């Protein structure tokens, strides 16, 4: 309880609250701009948080995460173009409602659903923290190594490509993590005489390149796309009848989103799809879905915003990103010297609770921002691409250079941008590469610590219960679906004999 109160007091600083309010507006603008999303926004903001204290820095990144996810509904409803992929299902019913003159009602429902879903997920996050703290005492380097291996197995499903392509991309990220000085042998690896690479490839330029510059190159091919905006007089809160119709949907989707967010490798996009499908399945009028059903908006938006809080559970408690944006936030924590993992809630509990409270504050702000600012933010979505993306590129280059004032980082960002662009062209997701870079360094470090602890007898890991558990989960993550299909999709033996 003391840590909970201390975390609240840590964000009660008026200056920090003003920063969070500004970050909320920035996140909404990012989410309302088609082509930009929470991951891109967090990656672009990452270098500018380096000079901040840890709590304000990570609070800004989580604020961008939450607010950009929420704002994707604005363009989804008004111009049938989701600002983020997490709001793709909101288009299905939001835009038809806007076409029949109910844009204000649709945005009001999106605002209320997003706020409620986000608050539910944060409350679940706070409740889970003490449980994680009790588990922390059972973790040693071998358990951390097995946990990191399990995290790497999640790369197969965290991207939008095939599992094999995702694993290949993740392997490239792990390989990139080996650049620099080996901490155990002090041998320089793959530095080619460049002293700037002695400490390895930095997270910041890679994140900026993969998520910022590569998206710029993708958007360059969409210059001819025209968007038509629905006229809207005002945003309004849903009526009492609307609440009676959707309250079960909002509760259900909030639970679904929180659960999906907690699962490593899932995220808001998957949560919104499942939330929408379940809303339709339980609806008394499923035939209205796709034609302007307000339940569809509630199901989608409550789920995708609940997933943002849920995704922070594995990120903070296990050091495994729960979503692509959480991977950027994880990189930010590591840059500030914070060590995510089970001990986060024992050694850095005040920091963890401060992040929870900052996310709670942002979700409450959504009510005011959504109701009073959506009309303005909808106009921002029409910033021409030829104007928007040169600005993004400028921020990308400045951000890559600002961390260490190194031109090498600029070239790394540009190289990562082109690599990310070609990966997308050929069906490879950039997310596993980014997470592989983060987890690769952690894997090597924890393996070295484990070998020292076990006197180079690595097989002793198999005598530790938690290690066995994580190795078993890794095996199931990689081969479970194949084994399931093998066991349960074979032809009927009796039928085969009859033939």
Protein backbone atom coordinates (compact mmCIF):
# COMPACT_ATOMS: atom_id res chain seq x y z
CA UNK A 1 0.00 0.00 0.00
CA UNK A 2 2.87 2.37 0.77
CA UNK A 3 4.31 1.80 -2.70
CA UNK A 4 0.89 2.46 -4.23
CA UNK A 5 0.62 5.81 -2.44
CA UNK A 6 4.25 6.70 -3.19
CA UNK A 7 3.65 6.02 -6.88
CA UNK A 8 0.63 8.33 -6.84
CA UNK A 9 2.65 11.08 -5.15
CA UNK A 10 5.42 10.64 -7.72
CA UNK A 11 3.12 11.75 -10.55
CA UNK A 12 1.29 14.39 -8.50
CA UNK A 13 3.92 16.96 -9.47
CA UNK A 14 2.07 19.71 -11.40
CA UNK A 15 4.87 19.95 -13.94
CA UNK A 16 4.66 16.24 -14.69
CA UNK A 17 0.87 16.41 -15.03
CA UNK A 18 1.27 19.21 -17.58
CA UNK A 19 3.78 17.08 -19.47
CA UNK A 20 1.37 14.14 -19.47
CA UNK A 21 -1.45 16.36 -20.72
CA UNK A 22 0.77 17.58 -23.57
CA UNK A 23 1.81 13.99 -24.32
CA UNK A 24 -1.86 12.98 -24.41
CA UNK A 25 -2.59 15.65 -27.02
CA UNK A 26 0.49 14.59 -28.99
CA UNK A 27 -0.59 10.94 -28.85
CA UNK A 28 -4.09 11.79 -30.04
CA UNK A 29 -2.65 13.74 -32.97
CA UNK A 30 -0.36 10.81 -33.82
CA UNK A 31 -3.24 8.35 -33.63
CA UNK A 32 -5.48 10.59 -35.74
CA UNK A 33 -2.94 10.80 -38.56
CA UNK A 34 -3.37 7.83 -40.92
CA UNK A 35 -0.02 6.11 -41.36
CA UNK A 36 1.26 7.02 -37.93
CA UNK A 37 0.48 4.79 -34.97
CA UNK A 38 1.36 4.32 -31.32
CA UNK A 39 4.52 2.36 -32.11
CA UNK A 40 5.83 4.95 -34.56
CA UNK A 41 4.96 7.78 -32.17
CA UNK A 42 6.71 6.13 -29.24
CA UNK A 43 9.79 5.38 -31.37
CA UNK A 44 9.99 9.01 -32.53
CA UNK A 45 9.51 10.28 -28.97
CA UNK A 46 12.06 7.88 -27.47
CA UNK A 47 15.22 9.97 -28.03
CA UNK A 48 13.56 13.07 -26.58
CA UNK A 49 12.91 11.25 -23.30
CA UNK A 50 16.56 10.36 -22.74
CA UNK A 51 17.30 13.54 -20.77
CA UNK A 52 14.23 13.11 -18.53
CA UNK A 53 14.12 11.32 -15.22
CA UNK A 54 12.97 7.68 -15.52
CA UNK A 55 9.40 8.17 -14.27
CA UNK A 56 8.50 11.13 -16.54
CA UNK A 57 10.28 9.49 -19.49
CA UNK A 58 8.43 6.17 -19.36
CA UNK A 59 5.18 7.90 -18.39
CA UNK A 60 5.40 9.96 -21.60
CA UNK A 61 5.93 6.82 -23.69
CA UNK A 62 3.00 4.97 -22.07
CA UNK A 63 0.86 8.09 -22.52
CA UNK A 64 1.64 8.10 -26.24
CA UNK A 65 0.76 4.40 -26.31
CA UNK A 66 -2.64 4.81 -24.66
CA UNK A 67 -3.72 8.05 -26.35
CA UNK A 68 -2.68 7.05 -29.88
CA UNK A 69 -4.55 3.76 -29.54
CA UNK A 70 -7.66 5.67 -28.47
CA UNK A 71 -7.38 8.29 -31.24
CA UNK A 72 -7.38 5.74 -34.02
CA UNK A 73 -11.16 5.65 -33.66
CA UNK A 74 -11.49 9.29 -34.79
CA UNK A 75 -10.35 8.70 -38.35
CA UNK A 76 -11.90 5.22 -38.40
CA UNK A 77 -15.32 6.78 -37.85
CA UNK A 78 -14.99 9.98 -39.86
CA UNK A 79 -12.98 8.98 -42.92
CA UNK A 80 -13.17 5.17 -42.86
CA UNK A 81 -9.39 5.02 -42.36
CA UNK A 82 -8.21 3.66 -39.00
CA UNK A 83 -5.53 5.88 -37.50
CA UNK A 84 -4.04 2.72 -35.99
CA UNK A 85 -4.50 -0.95 -36.89
CA UNK A 86 -6.16 -1.49 -33.51
CA UNK A 87 -9.16 0.55 -34.73
CA UNK A 88 -9.62 -1.32 -38.00
CA UNK A 89 -12.77 -3.07 -36.76
CA UNK A 90 -14.18 0.28 -35.58
CA UNK A 91 -14.50 1.27 -39.25
CA UNK A 92 -17.00 -1.52 -39.85
CA UNK A 93 -19.77 0.18 -37.85
CA UNK A 94 -18.37 3.62 -37.08
CA UNK A 95 -18.26 4.86 -40.65
CA UNK A 96 -21.78 3.62 -41.54
CA UNK A 97 -23.07 5.49 -38.47
CA UNK A 98 -21.25 8.62 -39.65
CA UNK A 99 -22.79 8.29 -43.11
CA UNK A 100 -26.28 8.43 -41.63
CA UNK A 101 -25.46 11.51 -39.57
CA UNK A 102 -24.51 9.89 -36.25
CA UNK A 103 -20.78 10.62 -36.22
CA UNK A 104 -21.03 12.47 -32.90
CA UNK A 105 -22.85 9.59 -31.24
CA UNK A 106 -20.32 7.09 -32.62
CA UNK A 107 -17.36 9.10 -31.34
CA UNK A 108 -19.04 9.54 -27.97
CA UNK A 109 -19.44 5.77 -27.63
CA UNK A 110 -15.83 5.22 -28.74
CA UNK A 111 -14.65 7.69 -26.10
CA UNK A 112 -16.64 6.16 -23.24
CA UNK A 113 -15.73 2.58 -24.23
CA UNK A 114 -12.04 3.43 -24.57
CA UNK A 115 -11.97 5.13 -21.19
CA UNK A 116 -13.74 2.29 -19.39
CA UNK A 117 -11.62 -0.41 -21.06
CA UNK A 118 -8.41 1.40 -20.21
CA UNK A 119 -9.37 1.93 -16.56
CA UNK A 120 -10.36 -1.73 -16.13
CA UNK A 121 -7.01 -2.89 -17.51
CA UNK A 122 -5.06 -0.55 -15.20
CA UNK A 123 -6.97 -1.83 -12.16
CA UNK A 124 -6.14 -5.40 -13.19
CA UNK A 125 -2.52 -4.36 -13.64
CA UNK A 126 -2.39 -2.92 -10.10
CA UNK A 127 -3.98 -6.07 -8.68
CA UNK A 128 -1.45 -8.30 -10.45
CA UNK A 129 1.57 -6.37 -9.16
CA UNK A 130 1.69 -7.91 -5.64
CA UNK A 131 1.46 -11.41 -7.13
CA UNK A 132 4.44 -10.66 -9.36
CA UNK A 133 6.36 -9.33 -6.37
CA UNK A 134 5.92 -12.57 -4.43
CA UNK A 135 7.17 -14.59 -7.41
CA UNK A 136 10.29 -12.42 -7.71
CA UNK A 137 12.13 -14.18 -4.89
CA UNK A 138 12.26 -17.45 -6.86
CA UNK A 139 14.16 -15.97 -9.82
CA UNK A 140 17.91 -16.32 -10.32
CA UNK A 141 20.02 -15.99 -13.53
CA UNK A 142 19.02 -19.47 -14.83
CA UNK A 143 15.32 -18.62 -14.44
CA UNK A 144 15.86 -15.29 -16.18
CA UNK A 145 17.65 -17.07 -19.03
CA UNK A 146 14.81 -19.60 -19.45
CA UNK A 147 12.29 -16.76 -19.31
CA UNK A 148 14.14 -14.86 -22.05
CA UNK A 149 14.23 -17.98 -24.22
CA UNK A 150 10.47 -18.22 -23.76
CA UNK A 151 10.17 -14.58 -24.77
CA UNK A 152 12.11 -15.25 -27.96
CA UNK A 153 9.73 -18.09 -28.81
CA UNK A 154 6.92 -15.52 -28.88
CA UNK A 155 8.53 -13.91 -31.93
CA UNK A 156 6.84 -16.50 -34.11
CA UNK A 157 3.43 -14.93 -33.47
CA UNK A 158 4.13 -11.31 -32.61
CA UNK A 159 4.39 -10.01 -36.18
CA UNK A 160 1.90 -9.96 -39.02
CA UNK A 161 3.94 -12.29 -41.23
CA UNK A 162 4.19 -16.08 -41.24
CA UNK A 163 5.76 -17.77 -38.18
CA UNK A 164 8.86 -18.78 -40.14
CA UNK A 165 9.40 -15.24 -41.45
CA UNK A 166 8.87 -13.83 -37.98
CA UNK A 167 11.48 -16.18 -36.52
CA UNK A 168 13.93 -15.24 -39.30
CA UNK A 169 13.40 -11.55 -38.57
CA UNK A 170 13.85 -12.21 -34.85
CA UNK A 171 17.08 -14.12 -35.52
CA UNK A 172 18.42 -11.10 -37.43
CA UNK A 173 17.64 -8.95 -34.39
CA UNK A 174 19.43 -11.38 -32.05
CA UNK A 175 22.43 -11.38 -34.42
CA UNK A 176 22.49 -7.57 -34.36
CA UNK A 177 22.57 -7.74 -30.55
CA UNK A 178 25.97 -9.49 -30.71
CA UNK A 179 27.67 -6.40 -32.17
CA UNK A 180 30.01 -4.76 -29.67
CA UNK A 181 32.24 -5.86 -26.80
CA UNK A 182 31.58 -9.22 -25.21
CA UNK A 183 31.21 -8.49 -21.50
CA UNK A 184 32.69 -11.86 -20.49
CA UNK A 185 35.71 -12.01 -22.81
CA UNK A 186 36.10 -8.25 -23.59
CA UNK A 187 36.50 -9.16 -27.26
CA UNK A 188 35.15 -6.73 -29.86
CA UNK A 189 32.71 -8.37 -32.28
CA UNK A 190 31.62 -7.04 -35.67
CA UNK A 191 32.79 -3.49 -34.89
CA UNK A 192 35.16 -3.30 -37.90
CA UNK A 193 37.38 -0.84 -36.11
CA UNK A 194 34.60 1.67 -35.36
CA UNK A 195 34.78 2.71 -31.73
CA UNK A 196 31.14 3.90 -31.87
CA UNK A 197 30.03 0.27 -32.15
CA UNK A 198 31.98 -0.94 -29.12
CA UNK A 199 28.90 -0.65 -26.90
CA UNK A 200 26.71 -2.29 -29.52
CA UNK A 201 23.94 -1.10 -31.82
CA UNK A 202 21.72 1.32 -29.94
CA UNK A 203 18.01 0.67 -29.51
CA UNK A 204 16.98 4.23 -30.37
CA UNK A 205 18.27 4.54 -33.97
CA UNK A 206 17.04 1.04 -34.80
CA UNK A 207 13.56 1.74 -33.44
CA UNK A 208 13.39 5.05 -35.29
CA UNK A 209 14.48 3.42 -38.52
CA UNK A 210 12.28 0.33 -38.34
CA UNK A 211 9.09 2.10 -37.27
CA UNK A 212 9.56 5.67 -38.48
CA UNK A 213 11.67 5.83 -41.62
CA UNK A 214 10.38 2.54 -43.05
CA UNK A 215 6.81 3.80 -42.64
CA UNK A 216 7.81 6.98 -44.46
CA UNK A 217 8.96 4.88 -47.42
CA UNK A 218 5.73 2.88 -47.35
CA UNK A 219 3.59 6.02 -47.23
CA UNK A 220 5.53 7.49 -50.15
CA UNK A 221 3.73 4.98 -52.35
CA UNK A 222 0.30 6.23 -51.22
CA UNK A 223 0.50 9.86 -52.29
CA UNK A 224 -2.48 9.52 -54.61
CA UNK A 225 -4.89 8.27 -51.92
CA UNK A 226 -7.77 10.70 -51.34
CA UNK A 227 -9.81 10.79 -48.14
CA UNK A 228 -13.31 12.16 -47.74
CA UNK A 229 -14.35 13.48 -44.34
CA UNK A 230 -17.81 13.22 -42.85
CA UNK A 231 -19.21 16.53 -41.59
CA UNK A 232 -19.93 16.55 -37.90
CA UNK A 233 -21.60 19.21 -35.79
CA UNK A 234 -20.65 18.05 -32.29
CA UNK A 235 -19.62 15.09 -30.17
CA UNK A 236 -22.20 13.89 -27.68
CA UNK A 237 -22.35 11.30 -24.94
CA UNK A 238 -24.33 8.13 -25.65
CA UNK A 239 -27.90 8.09 -24.44
CA UNK A 240 -29.19 6.04 -21.53
CA UNK A 241 -30.68 3.59 -24.04
CA UNK A 242 -27.24 3.19 -25.62
CA UNK A 243 -25.70 2.38 -22.24
CA UNK A 244 -28.35 -0.23 -21.52
CA UNK A 245 -27.64 -1.82 -24.87
CA UNK A 246 -23.83 -1.95 -24.67
CA UNK A 247 -22.82 -2.18 -21.00
CA UNK A 248 -22.41 -5.96 -21.16
CA UNK A 249 -20.42 -5.61 -24.37
CA UNK A 250 -18.08 -3.05 -22.78
CA UNK A 251 -17.50 -5.25 -19.72
CA UNK A 252 -16.91 -8.33 -21.86
CA UNK A 253 -14.53 -6.59 -24.24
CA UNK A 254 -12.63 -4.94 -21.38
CA UNK A 255 -11.95 -8.38 -19.93
CA UNK A 256 -11.03 -9.80 -23.32
CA UNK A 257 -8.70 -6.90 -24.07
CA UNK A 258 -6.95 -7.13 -20.71
CA UNK A 259 -6.43 -10.87 -21.09
CA UNK A 260 -5.20 -10.62 -24.70
CA UNK A 261 -2.88 -7.77 -23.76
CA UNK A 262 -1.28 -9.83 -20.99
CA UNK A 263 -0.42 -12.60 -23.44
CA UNK A 264 3.09 -11.96 -24.81
CA UNK A 265 3.12 -11.38 -28.57
CA UNK A 266 -0.51 -10.31 -28.79
CA UNK A 267 -1.76 -6.72 -28.60
CA UNK A 268 -4.49 -4.19 -29.19
CA UNK A 269 -5.13 -5.21 -32.81
CA UNK A 270 -5.85 -8.84 -31.92
CA UNK A 271 -7.88 -7.74 -28.89
CA UNK A 272 -10.08 -5.43 -30.98
CA UNK A 273 -10.82 -8.18 -33.49
CA UNK A 274 -11.77 -10.69 -30.80
CA UNK A 275 -13.75 -8.07 -28.88
CA UNK A 276 -15.69 -7.15 -32.02
CA UNK A 277 -16.40 -10.77 -32.95
CA UNK A 278 -17.61 -11.60 -29.45
CA UNK A 279 -19.82 -8.51 -29.41
CA UNK A 280 -21.47 -9.70 -32.60
CA UNK A 281 -21.76 -13.28 -31.36
CA UNK A 282 -23.53 -12.25 -28.14
CA UNK A 283 -25.64 -9.52 -29.70
CA UNK A 284 -29.41 -9.86 -29.99
CA UNK A 285 -29.20 -8.13 -33.38
CA UNK A 286 -26.07 -9.52 -35.09
CA UNK A 287 -27.51 -8.63 -38.49
CA UNK A 288 -26.92 -4.93 -37.73
CA UNK A 289 -23.16 -5.37 -37.45
CA UNK A 290 -21.35 -3.87 -40.41
CA UNK A 291 -24.26 -1.50 -41.00
CA UNK A 292 -23.79 0.85 -38.06
CA UNK A 293 -24.20 -1.15 -34.83
CA UNK A 294 -23.14 0.85 -31.78
CA UNK A 295 -22.28 -2.44 -30.05
CA UNK A 296 -19.57 -2.99 -32.66
CA UNK A 297 -17.86 0.28 -31.75
CA UNK A 298 -18.10 -0.48 -28.03
CA UNK A 299 -16.72 -4.00 -28.46
CA UNK A 300 -13.78 -2.91 -30.57
CA UNK A 301 -12.74 0.20 -28.64
CA UNK A 302 -13.12 -1.22 -25.13
CA UNK A 303 -10.97 -4.21 -26.11
CA UNK A 304 -8.16 -2.37 -27.87
CA UNK A 305 -7.69 0.17 -25.06
CA UNK A 306 -7.89 -2.49 -22.38
CA UNK A 307 -5.07 -4.30 -24.17
CA UNK A 308 -2.69 -1.37 -23.61
CA UNK A 309 -2.78 -1.86 -19.85
CA UNK A 310 -2.68 -5.62 -20.18
CA UNK A 311 0.39 -5.45 -22.44
CA UNK A 312 2.33 -3.70 -19.69
CA UNK A 313 1.99 -6.74 -17.39
CA UNK A 314 4.49 -9.00 -19.25
CA UNK A 315 6.57 -5.95 -20.16
CA UNK A 316 7.11 -4.87 -16.56
CA UNK A 317 6.78 -8.19 -14.77
CA UNK A 318 8.63 -10.50 -17.17
CA UNK A 319 10.66 -8.22 -19.41
CA UNK A 320 8.81 -9.61 -22.44
CA UNK A 321 7.05 -7.00 -24.62
CA UNK A 322 3.31 -7.55 -24.72
CA UNK A 323 2.95 -5.57 -27.98
CA UNK A 324 5.11 -3.75 -30.56
CA UNK A 325 4.71 -0.43 -28.72
CA UNK A 326 5.57 -2.14 -25.44
CA UNK A 327 8.85 -3.19 -27.08
CA UNK A 328 9.71 0.48 -27.60
CA UNK A 329 8.75 1.25 -24.00
CA UNK A 330 10.92 -1.67 -22.85
CA UNK A 331 13.85 -0.20 -24.79
CA UNK A 332 13.23 3.13 -23.07
CA UNK A 333 13.35 1.50 -19.63
CA UNK A 334 16.62 -0.26 -20.43
CA UNK A 335 18.16 2.99 -21.69
CA UNK A 336 17.33 4.56 -18.32
CA UNK A 337 18.98 1.69 -16.47
CA UNK A 338 15.73 0.11 -15.33
CA UNK A 339 15.57 -3.67 -15.23
CA UNK A 340 12.11 -5.01 -16.12
CA UNK A 341 11.35 -8.39 -14.67
CA UNK A 342 9.90 -10.07 -11.60
CA UNK A 343 12.02 -7.93 -9.26
CA UNK A 344 10.51 -4.74 -10.72
CA UNK A 345 7.81 -4.82 -8.04
CA UNK A 346 10.25 -5.36 -5.17
CA UNK A 347 13.26 -3.24 -6.10
CA UNK A 348 11.53 -0.55 -8.18
CA UNK A 349 7.95 -0.72 -6.95
CA UNK A 350 7.45 3.05 -6.73
CA UNK A 351 8.42 3.40 -10.39
CA UNK A 352 6.00 0.63 -11.44
CA UNK A 353 3.07 2.14 -9.52
CA UNK A 354 3.87 5.61 -10.83
CA UNK A 355 3.53 4.26 -14.38
CA UNK A 356 0.20 2.67 -13.45
CA UNK A 357 -1.12 5.94 -12.06
CA UNK A 358 0.07 7.90 -15.09
CA UNK A 359 -1.82 5.51 -17.37
CA UNK A 360 -4.91 5.91 -15.17
CA UNK A 361 -4.62 9.70 -15.44
CA UNK A 362 -4.37 9.51 -19.23
CA UNK A 363 -7.40 7.26 -19.55
CA UNK A 364 -9.48 9.69 -17.51
CA UNK A 365 -8.28 12.51 -19.76
CA UNK A 366 -9.75 10.69 -22.75
CA UNK A 367 -13.25 11.75 -21.72
CA UNK A 368 -12.38 15.44 -22.02
CA UNK A 369 -10.09 15.12 -25.02
CA UNK A 370 -12.51 12.88 -26.89
CA UNK A 371 -15.60 14.95 -26.28
CA UNK A 372 -14.14 18.40 -26.77
CA UNK A 373 -11.24 17.86 -29.13
CA UNK A 374 -12.25 15.14 -31.58
CA UNK A 375 -13.66 17.59 -34.11
CA UNK A 376 -10.34 19.45 -34.23
CA UNK A 377 -8.24 16.29 -34.33
CA UNK A 378 -10.35 14.99 -37.20
CA UNK A 379 -9.20 17.97 -39.28
CA UNK A 380 -5.58 17.23 -38.39
CA UNK A 381 -5.98 13.91 -40.15
CA UNK A 382 -6.08 15.78 -43.46
CA UNK A 383 -2.52 17.06 -43.25
CA UNK A 384 -1.16 16.23 -46.74
CA UNK A 385 1.26 13.31 -46.81
CA UNK A 386 3.88 15.32 -48.78
CA UNK A 387 3.96 17.77 -45.85
CA UNK A 388 3.59 15.30 -42.97
CA UNK A 389 6.26 12.77 -43.75
CA UNK A 390 9.18 15.15 -44.44
CA UNK A 391 8.48 16.51 -40.95
CA UNK A 392 8.51 12.95 -39.57
CA UNK A 393 11.77 12.24 -41.40
CA UNK A 394 13.36 15.36 -39.91
CA UNK A 395 12.33 14.32 -36.41
CA UNK A 396 13.68 10.84 -37.11
CA UNK A 397 17.14 12.07 -38.10
CA UNK A 398 17.32 14.59 -35.25
CA UNK A 399 16.21 11.95 -32.77
CA UNK A 400 18.74 9.40 -33.98
CA UNK A 401 21.57 11.92 -33.73
CA UNK A 402 20.53 13.55 -30.46
CA UNK A 403 21.23 10.55 -28.20
CA UNK A 404 25.03 10.41 -28.55
CA UNK A 405 25.65 13.12 -31.18
CA UNK A 406 26.98 10.35 -33.41
CA UNK A 407 26.63 10.33 -37.18
CA UNK A 408 26.91 6.53 -37.02
CA UNK A 409 23.54 6.42 -35.29
CA UNK A 410 22.03 8.43 -38.15
CA UNK A 411 23.34 5.92 -40.69
CA UNK A 412 22.08 3.05 -38.53
CA UNK A 413 18.61 4.64 -38.45
CA UNK A 414 18.58 5.14 -42.22
CA UNK A 415 19.88 1.62 -42.82
CA UNK A 416 17.26 0.17 -40.46
CA UNK A 417 14.62 2.20 -42.30
CA UNK A 418 15.52 0.73 -45.68
CA UNK A 419 15.83 -2.74 -44.15
CA UNK A 420 12.37 -2.37 -42.59
CA UNK A 421 10.91 -1.15 -45.88
CA UNK A 422 12.19 -4.13 -47.86
CA UNK A 423 11.15 -6.51 -45.10
CA UNK A 424 7.60 -5.20 -45.36
CA UNK A 425 7.68 -5.44 -49.15
CA UNK A 426 8.51 -9.14 -48.93
CA UNK A 427 6.10 -10.02 -46.11
CA UNK A 428 8.43 -9.83 -43.11
CA UNK A 429 7.32 -8.01 -39.98
CA UNK A 430 9.77 -5.54 -38.44
CA UNK A 431 8.47 -6.12 -34.92
CA UNK A 432 10.29 -9.45 -34.29
CA UNK A 433 13.56 -7.85 -35.41
CA UNK A 434 13.17 -5.03 -32.90
CA UNK A 435 12.27 -7.40 -30.07
CA UNK A 436 15.08 -9.78 -31.06
CA UNK A 437 17.55 -6.92 -30.69
CA UNK A 438 16.23 -6.16 -27.20
CA UNK A 439 16.01 -9.74 -25.95
CA UNK A 440 19.23 -10.88 -27.66
CA UNK A 441 21.43 -8.81 -25.37
CA UNK A 442 19.46 -9.92 -22.33
CA UNK A 443 19.77 -13.57 -23.41
CA UNK A 444 23.56 -13.43 -23.73
CA UNK A 445 23.98 -11.62 -20.44
CA UNK A 446 21.76 -14.01 -18.51
CA UNK A 447 23.36 -17.07 -20.08
CA UNK A 448 26.80 -15.85 -19.01
CA UNK A 449 25.57 -15.21 -15.47
CA UNK A 450 23.94 -18.65 -15.35
CA UNK A 451 27.10 -20.44 -16.50
CA UNK A 452 29.14 -18.63 -13.84
CA UNK A 453 26.57 -19.51 -11.18
CA UNK A 454 26.38 -23.17 -12.25
CA UNK A 455 30.16 -23.53 -12.80
CA UNK A 456 29.66 -24.08 -16.55
CA UNK A 457 27.35 -27.05 -15.93
CA UNK A 458 24.47 -25.72 -18.05
CA UNK A 459 22.47 -28.96 -17.75
CA UNK A 460 21.82 -28.15 -14.10
CA UNK A 461 19.18 -25.70 -15.36
CA UNK A 462 17.03 -28.77 -16.01
CA UNK A 463 16.98 -29.48 -12.28
CA UNK A 464 15.31 -26.13 -11.48
CA UNK A 465 11.47 -26.24 -11.59
CA UNK A 466 10.91 -22.75 -13.01
CA UNK A 467 13.49 -23.34 -15.74
CA UNK A 468 11.74 -26.56 -16.71
CA UNK A 469 8.42 -24.71 -16.80
CA UNK A 470 9.71 -21.96 -19.10
CA UNK A 471 11.51 -24.42 -21.37
CA UNK A 472 8.30 -26.47 -21.62
CA UNK A 473 6.31 -23.33 -22.48
CA UNK A 474 8.92 -22.50 -25.13
CA UNK A 475 8.53 -25.94 -26.68
CA UNK A 476 4.74 -25.62 -26.72
CA UNK A 477 4.92 -22.12 -28.21
CA UNK A 478 7.07 -23.34 -31.08
CA UNK A 479 5.63 -26.79 -31.75
CA UNK A 480 2.32 -26.95 -29.86
CA UNK A 481 0.09 -26.04 -32.80
CA UNK A 482 1.84 -28.53 -35.10
CA UNK A 483 1.48 -31.32 -32.54
CA UNK A 484 -2.19 -30.41 -32.03
CA UNK A 485 -2.88 -30.60 -35.75
CA UNK A 486 -0.99 -33.88 -35.97
CA UNK A 487 -3.02 -35.45 -33.16
CA UNK A 488 -6.50 -34.13 -33.92
CA UNK A 489 -6.72 -33.54 -37.67
CA UNK A 490 -5.74 -37.00 -38.86
CA UNK A 491 -8.28 -38.91 -40.87
CA UNK A 492 -10.55 -41.39 -39.13
CA UNK A 493 -8.70 -44.77 -39.07
CA UNK A 494 -11.91 -46.77 -39.62
CA UNK A 495 -12.81 -44.62 -42.60
CA UNK A 496 -9.33 -45.11 -44.03
CA UNK A 497 -9.67 -48.92 -43.70
CA UNK A 498 -13.02 -48.79 -45.46
CA UNK A 499 -11.45 -47.05 -48.42
